[in-house]
Protein backbone atom coordinates (compact mmCIF):
# COMPACT_ATOMS: atom_id res chain seq x y z
CA UNK A 1 0.00 0.00 0.00
CA UNK A 2 1.39 3.39 -1.02
CA UNK A 3 1.85 5.85 1.85
CA UNK A 4 3.11 9.42 2.11
CA UNK A 5 4.22 10.79 5.48
CA UNK A 6 6.12 13.89 6.66
CA UNK A 7 9.75 13.26 7.62
CA UNK A 8 10.87 13.78 11.21
CA UNK A 9 12.17 17.32 10.67
CA UNK A 10 9.44 18.18 8.12
CA UNK A 11 12.14 18.59 5.48
CA UNK A 12 10.21 16.39 3.12
CA UNK A 13 7.48 13.89 2.54
CA UNK A 14 8.44 10.22 2.40
CA UNK A 15 6.82 8.17 -0.35
CA UNK A 16 6.75 4.51 0.66
CA UNK A 17 5.39 1.29 -0.80
CA UNK A 18 6.32 -2.13 -2.05
CA UNK A 19 7.92 -2.57 -5.47
CA UNK A 20 4.59 -2.82 -7.27
CA UNK A 21 3.11 0.24 -5.53
CA UNK A 22 5.98 2.38 -6.77
CA UNK A 23 6.13 0.73 -10.18
CA UNK A 24 2.39 1.24 -10.77
CA UNK A 25 2.63 4.90 -9.77
CA UNK A 26 5.60 5.53 -12.06
CA UNK A 27 3.89 3.94 -15.05
CA UNK A 28 0.64 5.80 -14.32
CA UNK A 29 2.50 9.11 -14.31
CA UNK A 30 4.29 8.16 -17.55
CA UNK A 31 0.93 7.39 -19.15
CA UNK A 32 -0.73 10.62 -18.03
CA UNK A 33 2.10 13.03 -18.88
CA UNK A 34 2.63 11.52 -22.32
CA UNK A 35 5.62 11.40 -24.62
CA UNK A 36 8.14 14.19 -25.02
CA UNK A 37 6.63 17.43 -26.34
CA UNK A 38 3.14 15.96 -26.72
CA UNK A 39 2.05 18.94 -24.65
CA UNK A 40 4.65 21.46 -25.78
CA UNK A 41 3.85 24.23 -23.28
CA UNK A 42 4.15 21.75 -20.40
CA UNK A 43 7.50 20.23 -21.33
CA UNK A 44 9.39 21.85 -18.44
CA UNK A 45 6.79 20.66 -15.94
CA UNK A 46 6.82 17.21 -17.54
CA UNK A 47 10.59 16.94 -17.11
CA UNK A 48 10.22 17.95 -13.47
CA UNK A 49 7.76 15.11 -12.95
CA UNK A 50 10.10 12.69 -14.71
CA UNK A 51 12.82 13.65 -12.20
CA UNK A 52 10.46 12.68 -9.36
CA UNK A 53 9.72 9.39 -11.14
CA UNK A 54 13.46 8.75 -11.36
CA UNK A 55 13.70 9.10 -7.57
CA UNK A 56 10.81 6.67 -7.17
CA UNK A 57 12.45 4.21 -9.56
CA UNK A 58 15.72 4.44 -7.62
CA UNK A 59 13.76 3.78 -4.43
CA UNK A 60 12.14 0.68 -5.96
CA UNK A 61 15.65 -0.67 -6.56
CA UNK A 62 16.57 -0.23 -2.89
CA UNK A 63 18.77 2.83 -3.44
CA UNK A 64 17.10 4.89 -0.71
CA UNK A 65 15.16 3.56 2.30
CA UNK A 66 14.11 -0.03 3.00
CA UNK A 67 11.59 -0.97 5.69
CA UNK A 68 9.99 -4.22 6.82
CA UNK A 69 6.25 -3.82 7.29
CA UNK A 70 3.87 -6.31 8.89
CA UNK A 71 1.71 -8.03 6.27
CA UNK A 72 -0.95 -9.47 8.58
CA UNK A 73 0.49 -12.97 8.69
CA UNK A 74 0.62 -14.25 12.27
CA UNK A 75 1.08 -17.55 14.09
CA UNK A 76 -2.62 -18.39 13.93
CA UNK A 77 -2.70 -17.93 10.15
CA UNK A 78 0.46 -20.00 9.69
CA UNK A 79 -1.05 -22.72 11.83
CA UNK A 80 -4.19 -22.86 9.69
CA UNK A 81 -2.42 -23.00 6.34
CA UNK A 82 0.32 -25.36 7.52
CA UNK A 83 3.03 -23.40 5.77
CA UNK A 84 5.85 -20.99 6.49
CA UNK A 85 5.56 -17.48 5.12
CA UNK A 86 7.32 -14.22 6.04
CA UNK A 87 5.43 -12.05 8.50
CA UNK A 88 6.75 -8.81 6.98
CA UNK A 89 6.98 -7.38 3.47
CA UNK A 90 9.76 -5.19 2.09
CA UNK A 91 8.76 -1.58 1.53
CA UNK A 92 10.91 0.91 -0.33
CA UNK A 93 10.89 4.61 0.45
CA UNK A 94 12.35 7.95 -0.61
CA UNK A 95 11.98 11.42 0.93
CA UNK A 96 11.26 14.36 -1.38
CA UNK A 97 11.23 18.05 -0.51
CA UNK A 98 7.80 19.27 0.57
CA UNK A 99 7.43 21.97 -2.15
CA UNK A 100 8.62 19.47 -4.78
CA UNK A 101 6.02 16.85 -3.93
CA UNK A 102 3.20 19.38 -3.55
CA UNK A 103 4.11 20.80 -6.97
CA UNK A 104 4.11 17.31 -8.46
CA UNK A 105 0.64 16.56 -7.12
CA UNK A 106 -0.73 19.90 -8.33
CA UNK A 107 0.89 19.74 -11.77
CA UNK A 108 -0.60 16.33 -12.44
CA UNK A 109 -4.03 17.99 -12.39
CA UNK A 110 -3.27 19.74 -15.66
CA UNK A 111 -1.92 16.56 -17.23
CA UNK A 112 -5.02 14.61 -16.21
CA UNK A 113 -7.18 17.22 -17.95
CA UNK A 114 -5.02 17.05 -21.08
CA UNK A 115 -5.00 13.24 -20.99
CA UNK A 116 -8.79 13.12 -20.77
CA UNK A 117 -9.14 15.61 -23.62
CA UNK A 118 -6.73 13.90 -26.01
CA UNK A 119 -6.27 10.25 -25.00
CA UNK A 120 -8.86 8.67 -22.72
CA UNK A 121 -11.82 10.37 -21.07
CA UNK A 122 -13.05 7.19 -19.38
CA UNK A 123 -13.90 7.45 -15.70
CA UNK A 124 -12.36 3.99 -15.31
CA UNK A 125 -8.83 4.85 -16.45
CA UNK A 126 -6.39 2.96 -14.23
CA UNK A 127 -3.65 5.53 -14.87
CA UNK A 128 -5.83 8.46 -13.79
CA UNK A 129 -7.15 6.56 -10.76
CA UNK A 130 -3.61 5.72 -9.63
CA UNK A 131 -2.45 9.32 -10.04
CA UNK A 132 -5.54 10.61 -8.21
CA UNK A 133 -4.73 8.35 -5.27
CA UNK A 134 -1.19 9.77 -5.18
CA UNK A 135 -2.57 13.31 -5.20
CA UNK A 136 -4.97 12.47 -2.38
CA UNK A 137 -2.15 11.03 -0.28
CA UNK A 138 -0.06 14.18 -0.76
CA UNK A 139 -3.02 16.38 0.21
CA UNK A 140 -3.74 14.25 3.28
CA UNK A 141 -0.10 14.36 4.38
CA UNK A 142 -0.03 18.17 4.53
CA UNK A 143 -3.64 18.95 5.52
CA UNK A 144 -2.93 18.92 9.26
CA UNK A 145 -0.47 21.81 8.82
CA UNK A 146 -3.16 24.10 7.40
CA UNK A 147 -5.50 26.26 9.45
CA UNK A 148 -8.97 25.23 8.31
CA UNK A 149 -9.67 28.48 6.46
CA UNK A 150 -6.30 28.30 4.65
CA UNK A 151 -6.96 24.72 3.56
CA UNK A 152 -10.35 25.73 2.16
CA UNK A 153 -8.64 28.58 0.29
CA UNK A 154 -6.06 26.15 -1.05
CA UNK A 155 -8.75 23.74 -2.29
CA UNK A 156 -10.88 26.53 -3.74
CA UNK A 157 -7.93 27.97 -5.66
CA UNK A 158 -6.94 24.50 -6.83
CA UNK A 159 -10.41 23.79 -8.19
CA UNK A 160 -11.08 27.19 -9.76
CA UNK A 161 -7.74 28.01 -11.38
CA UNK A 162 -7.27 26.00 -14.55
CA UNK A 163 -4.86 25.41 -16.13
CA UNK A 164 -2.43 25.74 -13.24
CA UNK A 165 0.95 25.36 -14.91
CA UNK A 166 0.62 26.24 -18.61
CA UNK A 167 3.98 27.69 -19.77
CA UNK A 168 5.17 27.50 -16.18
CA UNK A 169 8.75 28.17 -15.09
CA UNK A 170 9.62 25.03 -13.09
CA UNK A 171 12.80 26.67 -11.77
CA UNK A 172 10.51 28.36 -9.25
CA UNK A 173 10.20 25.00 -7.48
CA UNK A 174 13.97 25.03 -6.91
CA UNK A 175 13.68 28.48 -5.36
CA UNK A 176 10.92 27.25 -3.04
CA UNK A 177 12.80 24.05 -2.17
CA UNK A 178 15.89 25.97 -1.08
CA UNK A 179 13.92 28.63 0.76
CA UNK A 180 11.98 25.92 2.59
CA UNK A 181 15.17 24.00 3.37
CA UNK A 182 16.65 27.06 5.08
CA UNK A 183 13.82 27.13 7.65
CA UNK A 184 13.82 25.51 11.09
CA UNK A 185 11.45 22.65 11.83
CA UNK A 186 9.13 25.02 13.70
CA UNK A 187 9.11 27.48 10.79
CA UNK A 188 8.38 24.69 8.32
CA UNK A 189 5.44 23.51 10.38
CA UNK A 190 4.07 27.04 10.43
CA UNK A 191 4.63 27.82 6.75
CA UNK A 192 3.94 24.60 4.82
CA UNK A 193 0.52 26.01 3.95
CA UNK A 194 1.97 29.23 2.54
CA UNK A 195 4.42 27.31 0.33
CA UNK A 196 1.52 25.27 -1.05
CA UNK A 197 -0.48 28.42 -1.78
CA UNK A 198 2.51 30.08 -3.45
CA UNK A 199 2.56 27.28 -5.99
CA UNK A 200 -0.98 28.27 -6.99
CA UNK A 201 -0.32 32.00 -7.26
CA UNK A 202 2.21 34.09 -9.14
CA UNK A 203 3.83 35.95 -6.26
CA UNK A 204 6.49 38.64 -6.57
CA UNK A 205 9.35 36.11 -6.51
CA UNK A 206 7.80 34.24 -9.43
CA UNK A 207 7.27 37.45 -11.39
CA UNK A 208 10.92 38.45 -10.89
CA UNK A 209 12.00 34.99 -12.04
CA UNK A 210 9.86 35.24 -15.18
CA UNK A 211 11.43 38.60 -16.04
CA UNK A 212 14.92 37.18 -15.57
CA UNK A 213 14.07 34.22 -17.79
CA UNK A 214 12.61 36.53 -20.44
CA UNK A 215 15.84 38.53 -20.45
CA UNK A 216 17.89 35.38 -20.97
CA UNK A 217 15.67 33.66 -23.52
CA UNK A 218 15.27 36.78 -25.63
CA UNK A 219 18.99 36.42 -26.40
CA UNK A 220 19.51 32.66 -26.22
CA UNK A 221 16.22 31.67 -27.93
CA UNK A 222 15.83 28.89 -25.36
CA UNK A 223 12.58 27.80 -23.81
CA UNK A 224 12.01 28.95 -20.22
CA UNK A 225 12.57 25.51 -18.74
CA UNK A 226 15.93 25.08 -20.48
CA UNK A 227 17.55 27.97 -18.58
CA UNK A 228 19.62 26.75 -15.62
CA UNK A 229 19.66 28.89 -12.50
CA UNK A 230 22.83 29.28 -10.45
CA UNK A 231 21.32 27.59 -7.41
CA UNK A 232 23.10 24.98 -5.34
CA UNK A 233 21.46 22.27 -3.29
CA UNK A 234 23.31 20.86 -0.27
CA UNK A 235 24.83 17.41 -0.63
CA UNK A 236 22.21 14.74 -0.04
CA UNK A 237 24.21 13.31 2.87
CA UNK A 238 24.08 16.69 4.59
CA UNK A 239 20.29 16.99 4.49
CA UNK A 240 18.61 16.23 7.82
CA UNK A 241 15.26 14.85 6.81
C-alpha atoms as a PDB file:
ATOM      1  CA  UNK A   1       0.000   0.000   0.000  1.00  0.00           C
ATOM      2  CA  UNK A   2       1.394   3.386  -1.023  1.00  0.00           C
ATOM      3  CA  UNK A   3       1.848   5.848   1.851  1.00  0.00           C
ATOM      4  CA  UNK A   4       3.113   9.425   2.107  1.00  0.00           C
ATOM      5  CA  UNK A   5       4.217  10.791   5.481  1.00  0.00           C
ATOM      6  CA  UNK A   6       6.121  13.888   6.656  1.00  0.00           C
ATOM      7  CA  UNK A   7       9.746  13.263   7.622  1.00  0.00           C
ATOM      8  CA  UNK A   8      10.873  13.783  11.214  1.00  0.00           C
ATOM      9  CA  UNK A   9      12.168  17.324  10.675  1.00  0.00           C
ATOM     10  CA  UNK A  10       9.443  18.179   8.116  1.00  0.00           C
ATOM     11  CA  UNK A  11      12.143  18.594   5.485  1.00  0.00           C
ATOM     12  CA  UNK A  12      10.210  16.391   3.119  1.00  0.00           C
ATOM     13  CA  UNK A  13       7.485  13.886   2.537  1.00  0.00           C
ATOM     14  CA  UNK A  14       8.437  10.220   2.397  1.00  0.00           C
ATOM     15  CA  UNK A  15       6.819   8.172  -0.352  1.00  0.00           C
ATOM     16  CA  UNK A  16       6.748   4.511   0.661  1.00  0.00           C
ATOM     17  CA  UNK A  17       5.395   1.292  -0.802  1.00  0.00           C
ATOM     18  CA  UNK A  18       6.317  -2.128  -2.046  1.00  0.00           C
ATOM     19  CA  UNK A  19       7.917  -2.567  -5.466  1.00  0.00           C
ATOM     20  CA  UNK A  20       4.586  -2.821  -7.271  1.00  0.00           C
ATOM     21  CA  UNK A  21       3.111   0.237  -5.528  1.00  0.00           C
ATOM     22  CA  UNK A  22       5.984   2.384  -6.771  1.00  0.00           C
ATOM     23  CA  UNK A  23       6.127   0.734 -10.183  1.00  0.00           C
ATOM     24  CA  UNK A  24       2.391   1.240 -10.768  1.00  0.00           C
ATOM     25  CA  UNK A  25       2.631   4.901  -9.771  1.00  0.00           C
ATOM     26  CA  UNK A  26       5.601   5.527 -12.055  1.00  0.00           C
ATOM     27  CA  UNK A  27       3.885   3.936 -15.052  1.00  0.00           C
ATOM     28  CA  UNK A  28       0.638   5.799 -14.324  1.00  0.00           C
ATOM     29  CA  UNK A  29       2.505   9.113 -14.309  1.00  0.00           C
ATOM     30  CA  UNK A  30       4.287   8.160 -17.554  1.00  0.00           C
ATOM     31  CA  UNK A  31       0.934   7.386 -19.151  1.00  0.00           C
ATOM     32  CA  UNK A  32      -0.734  10.618 -18.035  1.00  0.00           C
ATOM     33  CA  UNK A  33       2.102  13.034 -18.885  1.00  0.00           C
ATOM     34  CA  UNK A  34       2.631  11.515 -22.323  1.00  0.00           C
ATOM     35  CA  UNK A  35       5.622  11.400 -24.620  1.00  0.00           C
ATOM     36  CA  UNK A  36       8.143  14.190 -25.016  1.00  0.00           C
ATOM     37  CA  UNK A  37       6.629  17.434 -26.335  1.00  0.00           C
ATOM     38  CA  UNK A  38       3.137  15.963 -26.719  1.00  0.00           C
ATOM     39  CA  UNK A  39       2.046  18.936 -24.652  1.00  0.00           C
ATOM     40  CA  UNK A  40       4.650  21.458 -25.779  1.00  0.00           C
ATOM     41  CA  UNK A  41       3.851  24.226 -23.280  1.00  0.00           C
ATOM     42  CA  UNK A  42       4.146  21.747 -20.402  1.00  0.00           C
ATOM     43  CA  UNK A  43       7.498  20.234 -21.330  1.00  0.00           C
ATOM     44  CA  UNK A  44       9.387  21.853 -18.439  1.00  0.00           C
ATOM     45  CA  UNK A  45       6.785  20.665 -15.938  1.00  0.00           C
ATOM     46  CA  UNK A  46       6.825  17.207 -17.542  1.00  0.00           C
ATOM     47  CA  UNK A  47      10.592  16.944 -17.111  1.00  0.00           C
ATOM     48  CA  UNK A  48      10.224  17.950 -13.474  1.00  0.00           C
ATOM     49  CA  UNK A  49       7.757  15.105 -12.948  1.00  0.00           C
ATOM     50  CA  UNK A  50      10.104  12.692 -14.705  1.00  0.00           C
ATOM     51  CA  UNK A  51      12.818  13.653 -12.204  1.00  0.00           C
ATOM     52  CA  UNK A  52      10.463  12.684  -9.365  1.00  0.00           C
ATOM     53  CA  UNK A  53       9.718   9.394 -11.145  1.00  0.00           C
ATOM     54  CA  UNK A  54      13.456   8.751 -11.357  1.00  0.00           C
ATOM     55  CA  UNK A  55      13.697   9.099  -7.570  1.00  0.00           C
ATOM     56  CA  UNK A  56      10.812   6.669  -7.174  1.00  0.00           C
ATOM     57  CA  UNK A  57      12.449   4.209  -9.557  1.00  0.00           C
ATOM     58  CA  UNK A  58      15.723   4.437  -7.616  1.00  0.00           C
ATOM     59  CA  UNK A  59      13.759   3.783  -4.435  1.00  0.00           C
ATOM     60  CA  UNK A  60      12.145   0.680  -5.959  1.00  0.00           C
ATOM     61  CA  UNK A  61      15.651  -0.665  -6.557  1.00  0.00           C
ATOM     62  CA  UNK A  62      16.569  -0.229  -2.891  1.00  0.00           C
ATOM     63  CA  UNK A  63      18.767   2.828  -3.443  1.00  0.00           C
ATOM     64  CA  UNK A  64      17.101   4.886  -0.709  1.00  0.00           C
ATOM     65  CA  UNK A  65      15.160   3.563   2.302  1.00  0.00           C
ATOM     66  CA  UNK A  66      14.110  -0.028   2.997  1.00  0.00           C
ATOM     67  CA  UNK A  67      11.589  -0.972   5.695  1.00  0.00           C
ATOM     68  CA  UNK A  68       9.990  -4.219   6.825  1.00  0.00           C
ATOM     69  CA  UNK A  69       6.248  -3.819   7.288  1.00  0.00           C
ATOM     70  CA  UNK A  70       3.875  -6.312   8.887  1.00  0.00           C
ATOM     71  CA  UNK A  71       1.710  -8.028   6.266  1.00  0.00           C
ATOM     72  CA  UNK A  72      -0.947  -9.468   8.581  1.00  0.00           C
ATOM     73  CA  UNK A  73       0.486 -12.965   8.688  1.00  0.00           C
ATOM     74  CA  UNK A  74       0.621 -14.252  12.274  1.00  0.00           C
ATOM     75  CA  UNK A  75       1.082 -17.550  14.088  1.00  0.00           C
ATOM     76  CA  UNK A  76      -2.622 -18.388  13.928  1.00  0.00           C
ATOM     77  CA  UNK A  77      -2.696 -17.929  10.146  1.00  0.00           C
ATOM     78  CA  UNK A  78       0.462 -19.996   9.690  1.00  0.00           C
ATOM     79  CA  UNK A  79      -1.049 -22.719  11.834  1.00  0.00           C
ATOM     80  CA  UNK A  80      -4.188 -22.862   9.691  1.00  0.00           C
ATOM     81  CA  UNK A  81      -2.421 -22.999   6.341  1.00  0.00           C
ATOM     82  CA  UNK A  82       0.318 -25.365   7.521  1.00  0.00           C
ATOM     83  CA  UNK A  83       3.025 -23.399   5.768  1.00  0.00           C
ATOM     84  CA  UNK A  84       5.849 -20.989   6.491  1.00  0.00           C
ATOM     85  CA  UNK A  85       5.558 -17.476   5.124  1.00  0.00           C
ATOM     86  CA  UNK A  86       7.322 -14.220   6.044  1.00  0.00           C
ATOM     87  CA  UNK A  87       5.426 -12.051   8.495  1.00  0.00           C
ATOM     88  CA  UNK A  88       6.751  -8.809   6.979  1.00  0.00           C
ATOM     89  CA  UNK A  89       6.981  -7.377   3.471  1.00  0.00           C
ATOM     90  CA  UNK A  90       9.759  -5.193   2.090  1.00  0.00           C
ATOM     91  CA  UNK A  91       8.755  -1.578   1.531  1.00  0.00           C
ATOM     92  CA  UNK A  92      10.912   0.914  -0.333  1.00  0.00           C
ATOM     93  CA  UNK A  93      10.886   4.614   0.454  1.00  0.00           C
ATOM     94  CA  UNK A  94      12.349   7.947  -0.612  1.00  0.00           C
ATOM     95  CA  UNK A  95      11.981  11.425   0.926  1.00  0.00           C
ATOM     96  CA  UNK A  96      11.262  14.356  -1.384  1.00  0.00           C
ATOM     97  CA  UNK A  97      11.226  18.045  -0.513  1.00  0.00           C
ATOM     98  CA  UNK A  98       7.802  19.270   0.571  1.00  0.00           C
ATOM     99  CA  UNK A  99       7.433  21.969  -2.149  1.00  0.00           C
ATOM    100  CA  UNK A 100       8.621  19.471  -4.777  1.00  0.00           C
ATOM    101  CA  UNK A 101       6.021  16.852  -3.931  1.00  0.00           C
ATOM    102  CA  UNK A 102       3.198  19.382  -3.555  1.00  0.00           C
ATOM    103  CA  UNK A 103       4.110  20.803  -6.966  1.00  0.00           C
ATOM    104  CA  UNK A 104       4.110  17.308  -8.463  1.00  0.00           C
ATOM    105  CA  UNK A 105       0.643  16.561  -7.120  1.00  0.00           C
ATOM    106  CA  UNK A 106      -0.733  19.899  -8.332  1.00  0.00           C
ATOM    107  CA  UNK A 107       0.891  19.741 -11.774  1.00  0.00           C
ATOM    108  CA  UNK A 108      -0.599  16.328 -12.437  1.00  0.00           C
ATOM    109  CA  UNK A 109      -4.035  17.985 -12.385  1.00  0.00           C
ATOM    110  CA  UNK A 110      -3.272  19.742 -15.659  1.00  0.00           C
ATOM    111  CA  UNK A 111      -1.925  16.564 -17.233  1.00  0.00           C
ATOM    112  CA  UNK A 112      -5.017  14.608 -16.206  1.00  0.00           C
ATOM    113  CA  UNK A 113      -7.181  17.218 -17.946  1.00  0.00           C
ATOM    114  CA  UNK A 114      -5.018  17.049 -21.075  1.00  0.00           C
ATOM    115  CA  UNK A 115      -5.000  13.245 -20.990  1.00  0.00           C
ATOM    116  CA  UNK A 116      -8.792  13.117 -20.773  1.00  0.00           C
ATOM    117  CA  UNK A 117      -9.136  15.609 -23.624  1.00  0.00           C
ATOM    118  CA  UNK A 118      -6.729  13.900 -26.008  1.00  0.00           C
ATOM    119  CA  UNK A 119      -6.267  10.246 -25.000  1.00  0.00           C
ATOM    120  CA  UNK A 120      -8.856   8.665 -22.716  1.00  0.00           C
ATOM    121  CA  UNK A 121     -11.817  10.366 -21.067  1.00  0.00           C
ATOM    122  CA  UNK A 122     -13.048   7.188 -19.379  1.00  0.00           C
ATOM    123  CA  UNK A 123     -13.904   7.454 -15.704  1.00  0.00           C
ATOM    124  CA  UNK A 124     -12.357   3.993 -15.310  1.00  0.00           C
ATOM    125  CA  UNK A 125      -8.834   4.847 -16.453  1.00  0.00           C
ATOM    126  CA  UNK A 126      -6.386   2.956 -14.231  1.00  0.00           C
ATOM    127  CA  UNK A 127      -3.654   5.526 -14.870  1.00  0.00           C
ATOM    128  CA  UNK A 128      -5.827   8.462 -13.792  1.00  0.00           C
ATOM    129  CA  UNK A 129      -7.146   6.562 -10.763  1.00  0.00           C
ATOM    130  CA  UNK A 130      -3.607   5.715  -9.634  1.00  0.00           C
ATOM    131  CA  UNK A 131      -2.454   9.323 -10.037  1.00  0.00           C
ATOM    132  CA  UNK A 132      -5.536  10.612  -8.206  1.00  0.00           C
ATOM    133  CA  UNK A 133      -4.729   8.350  -5.273  1.00  0.00           C
ATOM    134  CA  UNK A 134      -1.187   9.766  -5.183  1.00  0.00           C
ATOM    135  CA  UNK A 135      -2.574  13.314  -5.203  1.00  0.00           C
ATOM    136  CA  UNK A 136      -4.975  12.468  -2.382  1.00  0.00           C
ATOM    137  CA  UNK A 137      -2.148  11.032  -0.281  1.00  0.00           C
ATOM    138  CA  UNK A 138      -0.062  14.184  -0.756  1.00  0.00           C
ATOM    139  CA  UNK A 139      -3.022  16.378   0.213  1.00  0.00           C
ATOM    140  CA  UNK A 140      -3.745  14.251   3.277  1.00  0.00           C
ATOM    141  CA  UNK A 141      -0.098  14.359   4.384  1.00  0.00           C
ATOM    142  CA  UNK A 142      -0.032  18.169   4.529  1.00  0.00           C
ATOM    143  CA  UNK A 143      -3.635  18.947   5.518  1.00  0.00           C
ATOM    144  CA  UNK A 144      -2.926  18.919   9.260  1.00  0.00           C
ATOM    145  CA  UNK A 145      -0.469  21.811   8.821  1.00  0.00           C
ATOM    146  CA  UNK A 146      -3.161  24.102   7.396  1.00  0.00           C
ATOM    147  CA  UNK A 147      -5.495  26.258   9.454  1.00  0.00           C
ATOM    148  CA  UNK A 148      -8.971  25.228   8.306  1.00  0.00           C
ATOM    149  CA  UNK A 149      -9.669  28.485   6.458  1.00  0.00           C
ATOM    150  CA  UNK A 150      -6.301  28.299   4.648  1.00  0.00           C
ATOM    151  CA  UNK A 151      -6.960  24.717   3.563  1.00  0.00           C
ATOM    152  CA  UNK A 152     -10.352  25.728   2.162  1.00  0.00           C
ATOM    153  CA  UNK A 153      -8.644  28.584   0.293  1.00  0.00           C
ATOM    154  CA  UNK A 154      -6.060  26.154  -1.050  1.00  0.00           C
ATOM    155  CA  UNK A 155      -8.747  23.738  -2.285  1.00  0.00           C
ATOM    156  CA  UNK A 156     -10.877  26.532  -3.744  1.00  0.00           C
ATOM    157  CA  UNK A 157      -7.927  27.975  -5.664  1.00  0.00           C
ATOM    158  CA  UNK A 158      -6.935  24.497  -6.831  1.00  0.00           C
ATOM    159  CA  UNK A 159     -10.411  23.786  -8.194  1.00  0.00           C
ATOM    160  CA  UNK A 160     -11.078  27.191  -9.764  1.00  0.00           C
ATOM    161  CA  UNK A 161      -7.742  28.013 -11.382  1.00  0.00           C
ATOM    162  CA  UNK A 162      -7.268  26.004 -14.554  1.00  0.00           C
ATOM    163  CA  UNK A 163      -4.865  25.413 -16.126  1.00  0.00           C
ATOM    164  CA  UNK A 164      -2.430  25.743 -13.243  1.00  0.00           C
ATOM    165  CA  UNK A 165       0.951  25.356 -14.912  1.00  0.00           C
ATOM    166  CA  UNK A 166       0.616  26.244 -18.610  1.00  0.00           C
ATOM    167  CA  UNK A 167       3.981  27.692 -19.774  1.00  0.00           C
ATOM    168  CA  UNK A 168       5.168  27.497 -16.179  1.00  0.00           C
ATOM    169  CA  UNK A 169       8.750  28.172 -15.092  1.00  0.00           C
ATOM    170  CA  UNK A 170       9.620  25.032 -13.087  1.00  0.00           C
ATOM    171  CA  UNK A 171      12.800  26.667 -11.772  1.00  0.00           C
ATOM    172  CA  UNK A 172      10.510  28.359  -9.249  1.00  0.00           C
ATOM    173  CA  UNK A 173      10.195  25.003  -7.482  1.00  0.00           C
ATOM    174  CA  UNK A 174      13.973  25.027  -6.911  1.00  0.00           C
ATOM    175  CA  UNK A 175      13.682  28.478  -5.360  1.00  0.00           C
ATOM    176  CA  UNK A 176      10.921  27.253  -3.036  1.00  0.00           C
ATOM    177  CA  UNK A 177      12.800  24.051  -2.171  1.00  0.00           C
ATOM    178  CA  UNK A 178      15.894  25.965  -1.082  1.00  0.00           C
ATOM    179  CA  UNK A 179      13.916  28.627   0.765  1.00  0.00           C
ATOM    180  CA  UNK A 180      11.980  25.916   2.593  1.00  0.00           C
ATOM    181  CA  UNK A 181      15.170  23.996   3.370  1.00  0.00           C
ATOM    182  CA  UNK A 182      16.652  27.060   5.080  1.00  0.00           C
ATOM    183  CA  UNK A 183      13.823  27.132   7.654  1.00  0.00           C
ATOM    184  CA  UNK A 184      13.825  25.514  11.089  1.00  0.00           C
ATOM    185  CA  UNK A 185      11.445  22.654  11.832  1.00  0.00           C
ATOM    186  CA  UNK A 186       9.126  25.018  13.705  1.00  0.00           C
ATOM    187  CA  UNK A 187       9.110  27.478  10.793  1.00  0.00           C
ATOM    188  CA  UNK A 188       8.382  24.691   8.324  1.00  0.00           C
ATOM    189  CA  UNK A 189       5.440  23.510  10.379  1.00  0.00           C
ATOM    190  CA  UNK A 190       4.065  27.035  10.432  1.00  0.00           C
ATOM    191  CA  UNK A 191       4.627  27.816   6.748  1.00  0.00           C
ATOM    192  CA  UNK A 192       3.939  24.597   4.819  1.00  0.00           C
ATOM    193  CA  UNK A 193       0.523  26.012   3.949  1.00  0.00           C
ATOM    194  CA  UNK A 194       1.972  29.232   2.537  1.00  0.00           C
ATOM    195  CA  UNK A 195       4.416  27.314   0.326  1.00  0.00           C
ATOM    196  CA  UNK A 196       1.523  25.273  -1.055  1.00  0.00           C
ATOM    197  CA  UNK A 197      -0.482  28.422  -1.780  1.00  0.00           C
ATOM    198  CA  UNK A 198       2.510  30.084  -3.448  1.00  0.00           C
ATOM    199  CA  UNK A 199       2.562  27.276  -5.989  1.00  0.00           C
ATOM    200  CA  UNK A 200      -0.976  28.270  -6.987  1.00  0.00           C
ATOM    201  CA  UNK A 201      -0.324  31.998  -7.257  1.00  0.00           C
ATOM    202  CA  UNK A 202       2.209  34.087  -9.141  1.00  0.00           C
ATOM    203  CA  UNK A 203       3.834  35.949  -6.263  1.00  0.00           C
ATOM    204  CA  UNK A 204       6.487  38.639  -6.574  1.00  0.00           C
ATOM    205  CA  UNK A 205       9.345  36.114  -6.510  1.00  0.00           C
ATOM    206  CA  UNK A 206       7.803  34.240  -9.427  1.00  0.00           C
ATOM    207  CA  UNK A 207       7.267  37.453 -11.394  1.00  0.00           C
ATOM    208  CA  UNK A 208      10.916  38.445 -10.886  1.00  0.00           C
ATOM    209  CA  UNK A 209      11.998  34.987 -12.037  1.00  0.00           C
ATOM    210  CA  UNK A 210       9.864  35.238 -15.180  1.00  0.00           C
ATOM    211  CA  UNK A 211      11.426  38.604 -16.036  1.00  0.00           C
ATOM    212  CA  UNK A 212      14.916  37.184 -15.574  1.00  0.00           C
ATOM    213  CA  UNK A 213      14.065  34.222 -17.791  1.00  0.00           C
ATOM    214  CA  UNK A 214      12.611  36.534 -20.438  1.00  0.00           C
ATOM    215  CA  UNK A 215      15.836  38.535 -20.454  1.00  0.00           C
ATOM    216  CA  UNK A 216      17.892  35.382 -20.975  1.00  0.00           C
ATOM    217  CA  UNK A 217      15.666  33.662 -23.519  1.00  0.00           C
ATOM    218  CA  UNK A 218      15.274  36.784 -25.632  1.00  0.00           C
ATOM    219  CA  UNK A 219      18.990  36.422 -26.401  1.00  0.00           C
ATOM    220  CA  UNK A 220      19.508  32.663 -26.216  1.00  0.00           C
ATOM    221  CA  UNK A 221      16.215  31.669 -27.928  1.00  0.00           C
ATOM    222  CA  UNK A 222      15.828  28.885 -25.360  1.00  0.00           C
ATOM    223  CA  UNK A 223      12.580  27.801 -23.810  1.00  0.00           C
ATOM    224  CA  UNK A 224      12.007  28.946 -20.219  1.00  0.00           C
ATOM    225  CA  UNK A 225      12.567  25.510 -18.739  1.00  0.00           C
ATOM    226  CA  UNK A 226      15.930  25.085 -20.478  1.00  0.00           C
ATOM    227  CA  UNK A 227      17.551  27.969 -18.575  1.00  0.00           C
ATOM    228  CA  UNK A 228      19.621  26.751 -15.621  1.00  0.00           C
ATOM    229  CA  UNK A 229      19.664  28.893 -12.497  1.00  0.00           C
ATOM    230  CA  UNK A 230      22.827  29.279 -10.446  1.00  0.00           C
ATOM    231  CA  UNK A 231      21.323  27.587  -7.413  1.00  0.00           C
ATOM    232  CA  UNK A 232      23.102  24.975  -5.339  1.00  0.00           C
ATOM    233  CA  UNK A 233      21.457  22.270  -3.285  1.00  0.00           C
ATOM    234  CA  UNK A 234      23.315  20.858  -0.270  1.00  0.00           C
ATOM    235  CA  UNK A 235      24.830  17.409  -0.632  1.00  0.00           C
ATOM    236  CA  UNK A 236      22.206  14.740  -0.043  1.00  0.00           C
ATOM    237  CA  UNK A 237      24.211  13.310   2.867  1.00  0.00           C
ATOM    238  CA  UNK A 238      24.075  16.692   4.594  1.00  0.00           C
ATOM    239  CA  UNK A 239      20.287  16.989   4.488  1.00  0.00           C
ATOM    240  CA  UNK A 240      18.609  16.233   7.824  1.00  0.00           C
ATOM    241  CA  UNK A 241      15.261  14.845   6.813  1.00  0.00           C
END
